[in-house]
Protein backbone atom coordinates (compact mmCIF):
# COMPACT_ATOMS: atom_id res chain seq x y z
CA MET A 1 -20.71 -5.11 -1.92
CA ARG A 2 -22.47 -2.31 0.23
CA PHE A 3 -22.37 -2.86 3.45
CA ALA A 4 -22.95 0.55 5.13
CA PRO A 5 -23.94 3.56 4.06
CA GLN A 6 -21.60 5.56 2.01
CA LYS A 7 -20.70 7.95 4.93
CA THR A 8 -19.05 4.82 6.50
CA ALA A 9 -17.00 4.12 3.92
CA PRO A 10 -13.44 5.45 4.71
CA PHE A 11 -14.03 3.53 8.11
CA GLY A 12 -12.78 0.06 6.07
CA ALA A 13 -8.58 1.48 6.85
CA VAL A 14 -9.01 0.49 10.86
CA PHE A 15 -8.57 -3.15 9.45
CA CYS A 16 -5.39 -2.74 7.34
CA LEU A 17 -2.74 -4.34 8.75
CA LEU A 18 -4.15 -4.17 12.48
CA LEU A 19 -2.60 -7.39 12.94
CA ALA A 20 0.27 -7.74 10.67
CA ASN A 21 2.57 -9.31 13.06
CA LEU A 22 -0.41 -11.92 14.07
CA PRO A 23 0.53 -14.73 12.05
CA ALA A 24 -3.45 -15.64 12.04
CA ALA A 25 -5.30 -12.51 12.32
CA SER A 26 -3.11 -10.81 9.57
CA GLN A 27 -5.36 -11.89 6.78
CA GLU A 28 -8.86 -10.62 7.21
CA VAL A 29 -8.27 -7.79 9.48
CA ALA A 30 -4.79 -6.90 7.27
CA GLU A 31 -7.05 -5.85 4.30
CA ILE A 32 -9.59 -2.87 4.01
CA PRO A 33 -12.89 -3.32 3.64
CA PHE A 34 -13.33 -0.44 1.16
CA TRP A 35 -16.35 -2.42 -0.84
CA HIS A 36 -19.40 -0.22 -0.05
CA GLN A 37 -17.82 2.63 -2.00
CA PRO A 38 -18.90 3.30 -5.46
CA PRO A 39 -17.07 1.77 -7.82
CA GLY A 40 -14.56 3.68 -9.55
CA THR A 41 -13.25 5.79 -5.60
CA ALA A 42 -9.97 6.40 -4.64
CA GLY A 43 -8.40 7.16 -1.62
CA LEU A 44 -5.28 7.80 0.90
CA GLY A 45 -4.05 7.71 4.11
CA GLY A 46 -1.80 6.02 6.77
CA GLY A 47 -1.50 4.77 10.09
CA LEU A 48 0.73 3.33 12.96
CA ARG A 49 0.73 0.07 14.06
CA PHE A 50 2.07 -0.89 17.87
CA GLY A 51 2.07 -4.40 18.98
CA GLN A 52 4.32 -7.68 20.18
CA ASP A 53 5.37 -10.89 17.98
CA PRO A 54 5.54 -13.87 19.52
CA TYR A 55 9.21 -14.68 19.03
CA LEU A 56 12.06 -15.25 21.77
CA ALA A 57 13.30 -11.58 22.73
CA ALA A 58 16.58 -10.44 24.33
CA ASP A 59 14.49 -7.91 26.29
CA ASN A 60 11.02 -6.71 26.25
CA ASP A 61 11.58 -4.07 23.76
CA ASP A 62 12.17 -6.38 21.13
CA GLN A 63 9.23 -7.35 21.27
CA ARG A 64 7.39 -3.96 20.76
CA ASN A 65 6.89 -3.31 16.88
CA PHE A 66 6.53 0.06 15.38
CA ASP A 67 5.64 0.40 11.84
CA LEU A 68 4.15 3.08 9.45
CA VAL A 69 1.50 2.00 7.26
CA PRO A 70 0.66 3.72 4.01
CA LEU A 71 -2.76 2.83 2.88
CA TYR A 72 -3.43 2.67 -0.97
CA LEU A 73 -7.54 2.65 -1.38
CA TYR A 74 -9.42 1.91 -4.62
CA GLU A 75 -12.65 0.45 -5.20
CA GLY A 76 -13.19 -0.09 -9.11
CA LYS A 77 -16.17 -2.20 -10.85
CA TYR A 78 -14.01 -5.16 -11.56
CA LEU A 79 -10.32 -4.48 -9.64
CA PHE A 80 -9.86 -3.18 -5.98
CA ALA A 81 -6.93 -2.62 -3.61
CA ARG A 82 -7.41 -2.33 0.00
CA GLY A 83 -3.65 -1.19 1.64
CA ALA A 84 -2.51 -4.64 1.95
CA SER A 85 -4.51 -6.52 -0.66
CA GLY A 86 -5.95 -6.02 -3.98
CA GLY A 87 -7.72 -8.53 -6.54
CA ILE A 88 -10.75 -8.88 -8.78
CA HIS A 89 -14.32 -9.13 -8.39
CA ILE A 90 -16.11 -12.10 -9.88
CA VAL A 91 -19.44 -11.27 -8.10
CA ASP A 92 -20.25 -7.83 -6.37
CA ASN A 93 -23.29 -7.01 -5.20
CA ASP A 94 -25.30 -5.55 -2.18
CA THR A 95 -25.31 -8.85 -0.25
CA TYR A 96 -22.52 -10.95 -1.87
CA GLU A 97 -19.05 -10.70 -2.75
CA PHE A 98 -16.58 -13.35 -4.35
CA ASN A 99 -13.30 -12.26 -5.34
CA VAL A 100 -9.87 -13.53 -6.52
CA MET A 101 -7.52 -11.58 -4.33
CA ALA A 102 -3.66 -11.04 -3.00
CA ARG A 103 -2.76 -10.18 0.21
CA TYR A 104 0.50 -9.70 1.57
CA ARG A 105 2.06 -11.60 4.74
CA PHE A 106 4.08 -9.55 6.85
CA GLN A 107 5.11 -12.03 9.68
CA GLN A 108 9.18 -12.90 9.67
CA LEU A 109 11.45 -13.83 11.84
CA ASP A 110 14.73 -12.19 11.05
CA PRO A 111 17.94 -14.19 13.01
CA ASP A 112 19.86 -10.53 13.55
CA ARG A 113 16.83 -9.78 15.92
CA ASN A 114 19.30 -11.26 19.18
CA GLU A 115 22.15 -13.90 19.42
CA PHE A 116 19.86 -16.61 20.16
CA TYR A 117 18.68 -16.79 16.44
CA ASP A 118 21.82 -17.33 15.06
CA GLY A 119 22.40 -19.87 12.91
CA LEU A 120 18.76 -19.80 11.62
CA GLU A 121 17.16 -19.44 8.15
CA LYS A 122 15.31 -16.36 7.85
CA ARG A 123 11.65 -16.52 7.87
CA ARG A 124 10.43 -14.24 5.24
CA GLN A 125 7.24 -12.04 4.06
CA THR A 126 5.34 -13.10 1.39
CA LEU A 127 2.66 -12.83 -0.73
CA ASP A 128 -0.22 -15.22 -0.50
CA ALA A 129 -3.42 -15.45 -3.13
CA GLY A 130 -6.57 -17.10 -3.18
CA VAL A 131 -10.09 -16.63 -3.30
CA GLU A 132 -12.49 -15.00 -0.47
CA PHE A 133 -16.45 -15.00 -0.77
CA ARG A 134 -17.98 -12.21 2.18
CA MET A 135 -22.09 -12.37 3.26
CA SER A 136 -23.45 -9.16 4.52
CA LYS A 137 -27.04 -9.70 6.33
CA ALA A 138 -28.84 -7.98 8.85
CA TRP A 139 -27.28 -10.37 11.61
CA GLY A 140 -23.72 -9.27 10.50
CA GLU A 141 -20.72 -10.27 7.96
CA LEU A 142 -19.88 -13.21 7.70
CA ALA A 143 -16.65 -13.60 5.60
CA LEU A 144 -14.30 -16.80 4.35
CA ASN A 145 -10.87 -17.09 2.29
CA TRP A 146 -8.63 -19.53 1.39
CA LEU A 147 -5.22 -18.10 0.69
CA THR A 148 -1.66 -20.35 -0.51
CA ASP A 149 1.56 -18.86 -1.05
CA THR A 150 2.83 -17.31 -4.25
CA LEU A 151 6.56 -17.03 -4.04
CA GLY A 152 7.30 -20.30 -2.51
CA ARG A 153 8.48 -19.28 0.91
CA HIS A 154 6.53 -20.96 3.83
CA LYS A 155 4.82 -22.95 0.68
CA GLY A 156 1.14 -23.51 2.43
CA GLN A 157 -1.99 -23.01 2.53
CA GLN A 158 -4.19 -21.26 5.21
CA ALA A 159 -8.29 -21.26 5.61
CA GLN A 160 -9.94 -18.10 7.84
CA VAL A 161 -13.88 -17.51 8.91
CA THR A 162 -14.62 -14.27 10.36
CA TYR A 163 -17.46 -12.96 12.33
CA ARG A 164 -18.47 -8.99 12.35
CA TYR A 165 -21.10 -7.22 13.65
CA ARG A 166 -21.21 -3.01 12.88
CA PHE A 167 -23.20 -0.59 15.12
CA GLU A 168 -23.41 3.15 14.02
CA THR A 169 -24.09 5.92 15.77
CA GLY A 170 -23.78 9.34 14.92
CA ARG A 171 -20.72 9.68 13.60
CA TRP A 172 -18.85 6.84 15.38
CA SER A 173 -18.37 3.09 14.10
CA ILE A 174 -17.88 0.36 16.51
CA SER A 175 -17.05 -3.20 14.56
CA PRO A 176 -15.91 -6.31 16.92
CA PHE A 177 -15.12 -9.21 15.22
CA LEU A 178 -14.33 -13.00 15.92
CA THR A 179 -11.97 -14.95 13.27
CA TRP A 180 -10.89 -18.77 13.22
CA THR A 181 -8.07 -19.33 10.93
CA TYR A 182 -6.34 -22.94 10.10
CA GLN A 183 -2.84 -23.00 8.94
CA ASP A 184 -1.20 -26.28 7.43
CA LYS A 185 2.24 -27.40 8.50
CA LYS A 186 3.96 -26.21 5.67
CA LEU A 187 3.46 -22.56 6.86
CA THR A 188 2.78 -23.23 10.84
CA ASP A 189 6.68 -25.27 10.60
CA TYR A 190 7.96 -22.47 8.40
CA TYR A 191 7.41 -19.48 11.06
CA PHE A 192 7.79 -21.62 14.18
CA GLY A 193 9.73 -24.82 12.96
CA VAL A 194 13.33 -25.78 13.77
CA SER A 195 14.85 -27.68 11.03
CA GLU A 196 17.69 -30.42 12.17
CA ALA A 197 20.25 -28.49 10.22
CA GLU A 198 18.91 -25.25 12.52
CA ALA A 199 19.12 -27.32 15.41
CA THR A 200 21.35 -26.62 18.71
CA ALA A 201 21.14 -26.91 22.78
CA GLU A 202 19.43 -24.07 23.29
CA ARG A 203 17.06 -24.37 20.23
CA PRO A 204 15.91 -27.90 19.69
CA GLN A 205 14.39 -29.27 16.38
CA TYR A 206 11.04 -29.20 16.49
CA SER A 207 8.11 -29.70 14.70
CA VAL A 208 4.66 -27.38 15.31
CA GLY A 209 2.37 -29.44 12.47
CA SER A 210 -0.82 -27.50 11.54
CA SER A 211 -2.60 -24.92 14.01
CA GLN A 212 -5.69 -23.68 14.38
CA TRP A 213 -5.52 -19.77 15.88
CA ASN A 214 -8.65 -17.38 17.44
CA THR A 215 -8.80 -13.66 16.99
CA PHE A 216 -11.03 -11.09 18.69
CA GLY A 217 -10.33 -7.38 18.42
CA LEU A 218 -12.47 -4.17 17.97
CA ASN A 219 -12.33 -1.21 15.53
CA THR A 220 -13.19 2.12 16.11
CA ALA A 221 -13.89 5.08 13.66
CA TRP A 222 -14.88 8.77 13.94
CA HIS A 223 -16.29 10.16 10.57
CA PHE A 224 -14.74 13.36 11.10
CA SER A 225 -16.60 14.33 7.68
CA ASP A 226 -17.73 12.99 4.89
CA ARG A 227 -14.38 12.35 3.53
CA ILE A 228 -11.89 12.23 6.64
CA VAL A 229 -12.18 8.76 9.08
CA PHE A 230 -9.63 8.83 11.84
CA PHE A 231 -9.64 5.05 13.56
CA ALA A 232 -8.19 2.99 16.85
CA ASN A 233 -8.32 -0.38 16.44
CA VAL A 234 -7.52 -3.16 19.15
CA ALA A 235 -6.84 -7.35 18.47
CA PHE A 236 -5.75 -9.81 20.17
CA ALA A 237 -4.49 -13.58 19.50
CA GLY A 238 -3.80 -17.04 20.76
CA ALA A 239 -3.24 -20.46 19.13
CA ASP A 240 -2.41 -24.29 19.64
CA SER A 241 -0.52 -25.28 22.53
CA ASP A 242 1.95 -26.81 20.10
CA VAL A 243 2.97 -23.22 18.42
CA TRP A 244 3.78 -22.01 21.99
CA ASP A 245 6.11 -24.91 22.93
CA SER A 246 8.07 -23.92 20.35
CA PRO A 247 11.54 -22.91 20.89
CA LEU A 248 11.12 -19.88 18.75
CA VAL A 249 8.40 -18.46 20.96
CA GLU A 250 8.11 -16.73 24.20
CA GLU A 251 4.75 -15.09 24.33
CA SER A 252 1.78 -17.35 24.77
CA ASN A 253 -0.74 -14.76 23.45
CA MET A 254 -0.91 -11.43 20.83
CA SER A 255 -1.66 -7.90 20.98
CA GLN A 256 -1.59 -4.87 18.49
CA LEU A 257 -2.99 -1.23 18.32
CA PHE A 258 -3.57 0.36 14.91
CA VAL A 259 -4.04 4.33 14.43
CA GLY A 260 -4.51 6.57 11.61
CA GLY A 261 -6.78 8.21 9.25
CA THR A 262 -7.94 8.10 5.35
CA TYR A 263 -8.90 10.79 2.96
CA THR A 264 -11.52 9.90 -0.04
CA PHE A 265 -11.05 12.20 -3.07
CA GLY A 266 -13.79 11.43 -5.39
CA ASN A 267 -15.24 8.87 -8.52
CA ALA A 268 -13.31 7.95 -11.25
CA ARG A 269 -16.19 6.83 -12.87
CA LYS A 270 -18.94 8.95 -11.84
CA PRO A 271 -18.21 12.58 -11.50
CA SER A 272 -20.02 13.16 -8.76
CA ASP A 273 -17.70 15.37 -7.19
CA ILE A 274 -16.90 17.67 -9.70
CA ASN A 275 -18.91 20.93 -9.47
CA ASP A 276 -18.15 22.18 -13.02
CA PRO A 277 -20.26 20.49 -15.59
CA LEU A 278 -17.81 21.36 -18.60
CA ARG A 279 -15.28 19.05 -16.53
CA LYS A 280 -17.23 15.88 -15.94
CA GLY A 281 -15.44 13.58 -17.36
CA GLU A 282 -12.32 15.26 -17.71
CA TRP A 283 -9.42 13.22 -18.71
CA ALA A 284 -5.53 14.01 -20.00
CA TRP A 285 -2.63 12.17 -21.19
CA ARG A 286 0.88 13.04 -20.46
CA VAL A 287 4.49 12.08 -21.98
CA ASN A 288 7.47 12.21 -20.31
CA TYR A 289 10.98 11.71 -20.94
CA GLY A 290 14.34 11.94 -18.73
CA TYR A 291 17.70 11.09 -16.91
CA GLN A 292 18.65 9.84 -13.64
CA ALA A 293 18.94 12.44 -11.10
CA SER A 294 21.37 12.60 -8.04
CA GLY A 295 19.88 14.94 -5.63
CA ASN A 296 16.49 14.14 -3.71
CA ILE A 297 13.13 15.47 -4.36
CA VAL A 298 13.04 17.26 -1.52
CA SER A 299 15.55 18.89 0.05
CA GLU A 300 18.07 19.12 -3.23
CA ILE A 301 16.48 18.81 -6.18
CA ASP A 302 13.05 20.80 -5.20
CA GLN A 303 15.90 23.96 -4.06
CA GLY A 304 17.12 23.33 -8.24
CA ASP A 305 20.19 20.85 -8.07
CA PHE A 306 19.44 19.36 -11.51
CA SER A 307 22.89 17.66 -11.62
CA LYS A 308 22.97 13.90 -13.08
CA SER A 309 23.69 11.17 -10.86
CA GLU A 310 27.35 9.65 -10.54
CA LEU A 311 25.89 6.53 -9.74
CA ALA A 312 23.74 5.51 -12.58
CA ASP A 313 23.49 7.20 -16.04
CA THR A 314 20.34 6.00 -16.92
CA ARG A 315 17.33 7.15 -18.75
CA ILE A 316 13.30 6.88 -18.08
CA GLY A 317 10.53 7.51 -20.26
CA GLY A 318 6.82 7.29 -19.67
CA LEU A 319 2.80 7.27 -20.81
CA THR A 320 0.47 8.58 -17.60
CA ALA A 321 -3.45 8.79 -17.95
CA MET A 322 -5.34 11.07 -15.30
CA LYS A 323 -8.75 10.76 -14.77
CA LEU A 324 -10.54 14.16 -12.51
CA LEU A 325 -11.45 12.61 -9.55
CA HIS A 326 -12.45 16.41 -7.87
CA ASP A 327 -12.54 19.93 -8.65
CA GLY A 328 -11.65 22.07 -6.22
CA SER A 329 -11.98 25.95 -5.71
CA ARG A 330 -8.15 26.05 -5.38
CA VAL A 331 -6.66 22.21 -6.06
CA ASP A 332 -7.77 19.82 -8.27
CA PHE A 333 -7.62 16.39 -7.39
CA GLN A 334 -6.61 13.51 -10.23
CA GLY A 335 -5.98 9.63 -10.62
CA ARG A 336 -3.48 8.77 -12.36
CA PHE A 337 -1.72 5.56 -13.34
CA ALA A 338 1.74 5.86 -15.15
CA LEU A 339 3.69 3.39 -17.36
CA MET A 340 7.41 4.03 -17.10
CA ARG A 341 10.14 1.88 -19.13
CA HIS A 342 13.53 1.77 -17.67
CA PHE A 343 16.70 2.12 -20.10
CA GLU A 344 19.51 0.83 -17.99
CA SER A 345 21.44 -1.62 -20.61
CA LYS A 346 24.33 0.71 -20.39
CA GLU A 347 25.01 0.30 -16.70
CA GLY A 348 23.96 -3.63 -17.23
CA ASN A 349 20.40 -4.04 -15.72
CA GLY A 350 18.64 -4.18 -19.04
CA GLU A 351 15.30 -2.88 -19.72
CA PHE A 352 11.84 -2.83 -17.62
CA PHE A 353 8.65 -1.26 -16.77
CA SER A 354 7.63 0.06 -13.63
CA TYR A 355 3.88 0.50 -12.79
CA ASN A 356 2.62 3.92 -10.57
CA ALA A 357 -0.70 4.76 -9.37
CA TYR A 358 -1.37 7.78 -7.76
CA ILE A 359 -3.11 10.37 -6.66
CA MET A 360 -2.00 13.93 -7.74
CA ALA A 361 -3.21 17.81 -5.82
CA MET A 362 -3.09 20.02 -8.95
CA GLY A 363 -3.30 23.86 -8.51
CA ARG A 364 -2.88 26.83 -10.98
CA GLY A 365 -1.26 30.04 -10.71
CA TYR A 366 -3.26 33.16 -12.80
CA SER A 367 -2.63 36.61 -13.87
CA GLY A 368 -3.20 39.21 -11.07
CA TRP A 369 -4.09 41.59 -14.08
CA THR A 370 -5.76 39.94 -16.32
CA GLY A 371 -6.42 36.71 -14.90
CA GLU A 372 -5.39 34.01 -17.21
CA GLU A 373 -4.02 30.82 -16.41
CA TRP A 374 -0.23 31.40 -16.14
CA PHE A 375 1.27 27.70 -15.02
CA ARG A 376 0.21 25.03 -13.20
CA TRP A 377 1.78 22.89 -9.88
CA GLY A 378 1.30 19.08 -9.09
CA PHE A 379 2.62 17.15 -6.01
CA GLY A 380 1.56 13.22 -6.54
CA PHE A 381 1.59 10.56 -3.86
CA GLY A 382 0.71 6.91 -4.46
CA MET A 383 2.71 3.16 -4.90
CA SER A 384 5.17 2.29 -7.46
CA TYR A 385 5.54 -1.45 -8.73
CA ALA A 386 9.27 -2.21 -10.76
CA GLU A 387 9.66 -5.30 -12.72
CA THR A 388 13.46 -5.19 -12.11
CA VAL A 389 14.62 -2.62 -8.76
CA PRO A 390 16.55 0.26 -10.66
CA ILE A 391 20.27 0.50 -10.56
CA GLU A 392 20.20 3.47 -8.49
CA GLU A 393 18.35 2.18 -5.85
CA GLN A 394 21.29 -0.97 -5.83
CA ARG A 395 23.96 0.37 -5.44
CA LYS A 396 23.01 3.53 -3.18
CA GLN A 397 21.64 0.39 -0.73
CA ALA A 398 24.64 -1.98 -1.44
CA SER A 399 26.59 0.65 -0.09
CA ARG A 400 24.42 1.15 3.13
CA GLY A 401 24.35 -2.76 3.35
CA GLU A 402 20.57 -2.27 3.12
CA ASN A 403 17.80 -4.70 1.22
CA THR A 404 16.00 -2.97 -1.92
CA ALA A 405 12.24 -3.67 -2.76
CA HIS A 406 10.41 -3.82 -6.35
CA PHE A 407 7.25 -2.47 -4.75
CA ILE A 408 7.88 1.03 -3.04
CA ASN A 409 6.35 4.22 -2.49
CA TYR A 410 5.86 6.50 -5.46
CA LEU A 411 5.96 10.50 -4.69
CA GLU A 412 5.93 13.25 -8.46
CA MET A 413 6.78 16.83 -8.41
CA MET A 414 5.71 18.81 -11.68
CA VAL A 415 5.24 22.34 -12.90
CA ASP A 416 4.24 23.12 -16.21
CA PHE A 417 2.89 26.04 -18.72
CA PRO A 418 0.14 26.17 -21.09
CA LEU A 419 0.96 26.31 -24.75
CA ARG A 420 -1.59 28.10 -25.95
CA ARG A 421 0.24 31.43 -24.41
CA ALA A 422 2.76 30.12 -26.85
CA SER A 423 0.96 28.86 -29.76
CA LYS A 424 -2.02 29.60 -31.87
CA ALA A 425 -2.11 25.28 -33.17
CA LYS A 426 -5.44 24.39 -32.18
CA TRP A 427 -4.26 20.66 -30.99
CA LEU A 428 -2.10 22.60 -28.49
CA GLN A 429 -4.72 24.87 -26.93
CA ASP A 430 -5.25 22.30 -24.24
CA CYS A 431 -1.63 21.27 -23.65
CA TYR A 432 0.91 22.11 -21.60
CA ALA A 433 5.03 21.81 -21.45
CA GLY A 434 7.23 21.20 -18.23
CA LEU A 435 9.04 19.56 -15.89
CA THR A 436 7.88 16.84 -13.74
CA ILE A 437 10.20 15.20 -11.07
CA VAL A 438 9.68 11.28 -10.83
CA HIS A 439 10.79 9.90 -6.99
CA ARG A 440 10.19 6.40 -5.37
CA SER A 441 11.42 5.64 -1.78
CA GLY A 442 10.72 3.55 1.24
CA ILE A 443 9.18 6.43 3.62
CA PHE A 444 13.09 6.40 5.12
CA GLY A 445 12.69 2.49 6.13
CA THR A 446 10.20 3.28 8.82
CA SER A 447 7.42 0.86 6.92
CA ASP A 448 7.09 -3.33 6.26
CA LEU A 449 5.05 -2.81 3.38
CA LEU A 450 7.93 -1.15 1.37
CA GLY A 451 10.14 -3.68 2.39
CA ASP A 452 12.00 -1.44 5.62
CA VAL A 453 13.30 0.69 2.85
CA SER A 454 15.83 3.78 3.49
CA GLY A 455 16.59 5.25 0.34
CA GLY A 456 15.60 5.43 -3.65
CA SER A 457 15.92 7.07 -6.73
CA ASP A 458 14.93 10.17 -8.99
CA TRP A 459 14.73 11.05 -12.53
CA ILE A 460 14.35 13.98 -14.02
CA THR A 461 12.24 14.43 -16.57
CA ALA A 462 10.15 16.82 -19.29
CA HIS A 463 6.92 16.12 -20.26
CA LEU A 464 3.66 16.93 -22.36
CA GLU A 465 0.42 16.64 -21.12
CA CYS A 466 -2.84 17.31 -23.09
CA VAL A 467 -6.40 17.42 -21.43
CA ARG A 468 -9.30 15.69 -22.88
C-alpha cells in the first residue's frame, strides 16, 4: 500500500512505540507505517520514549518512563516488520491493505514499583495478534484492527479505529491523528482490576468491565535526506471513568513523547541502489561453527580475548543467506538472515534454533601496491529470536537476579580473507574464510521491547562464505 511519495518513507517510524505505555493508544501508533516503501526495502533506526503511565506512584518520578527503542524495518511483497509489529500482507495495493499481523503490547505493572502494590500479581506485556485493514483516499487514511492475546496473559480482545491526515511541506511531514479503542472486560480488568485475592484495606477489590479510550496526537518528521529521517511526536489519551476509578490508577490522562531517527539502506528485491551493474542481484551464503565465549563482543573479544566460557560449554552452528542492498564507494550494506542451531544438551538445555535478521555493513582492505583485495570486515546489527533462552544467558541473569528474553538484540562482527589468494580452485575464487563473532544482548537493560535484559551471550565461530 503506497500512502506517500518515497521520500517520506522512513517518516513512518514516528509511530513505533509512541504510546507504548498508553493502554489504548499503543496499538495503531505502536507500529511503523512502512507500507509506502517499495517491496524489499530494509532499514534500521532508534528512538527514545518519554511519558507517563496511569498507575499509582510513590512520587512523580515513578510515573516518568524512559525507554530506548530499536527499530527493525522491512517491507516485503508478503512479509513486513514495522518495529513493534509484523505480519503478512493478504492484500496490498495503492489504496487498500489487509494484513494478518502480530503486535507487542508494552503495557505492564510490576508490584515491585512501590509498597502499595505488595501482594498484587504482576501485569505483564504480551503479544497480540489479529487482522487489520487500511484505506488511503484524498480525504485521509483510515485504519481498523482487531487483536487478541496470543500468550494467555490478559486473554482479552481489542478493536480500534484510527483516522489520520498527512501534510507535506518541503522536507517536513506533519500528521495529526485520532484513535478510538474498545477493550473488552478481560483485557481491561487484567491491567486495571483488583481480584479478591489481591484486595487490601487500601486496595479494595475492583472490576472495571470493558472500556473505551480516546487518543489524539501529532507526528512530525524532518527528512534530512532520502535515507535519513528525524522525528518528534506527542500524543494524549483518556478513558472511561470506570478505569480512572480503579484503586490502581492515579492519573486521569496520559501523555507520551517519542523522538529518534531512521535510516533506509536499500532494496533486496529490486537492485535500484546498486551502482555496479555486475553486482545487481548479488547474494551470498555462509556456514559457520564455533564455541561459547567467555568475554563480550565489545571490550574483550574485539581486543583478542578468545577464551571459552566457564559458565557453559556449548556449541553453535549456522547457515546464513545474504542479499546486497547497496554498494558504496567504501562500505556495502547487506540484508542477512541467519539460522543458528544451538547445541546445549551437555548443559541440560537441549538443542534449539535461533533466528537472526540484520543489516551488515561490509568493508574491504586492499593492497597499497597492487590494489588487490586482502581482507573484508563486517559489522551487523539487528534482531534475534531463540526458541529456548541460551543457557549462558540463563545463568548470567540468574546470578544477578534479573530476567531473560527469547527476543533480543543481535550484533555480529566478522573478518575474513579471499581464498583465491591461497587456491586456484574455480569454486573458491569468490569464497572467503574467516572469523565471525555472534552476540545476543538487551542493550544494557534499557529497552522494554528487548525484555529489559541487561546481559547477553557470545560465540566465536569460524566461517566459509561464498558470493554468487
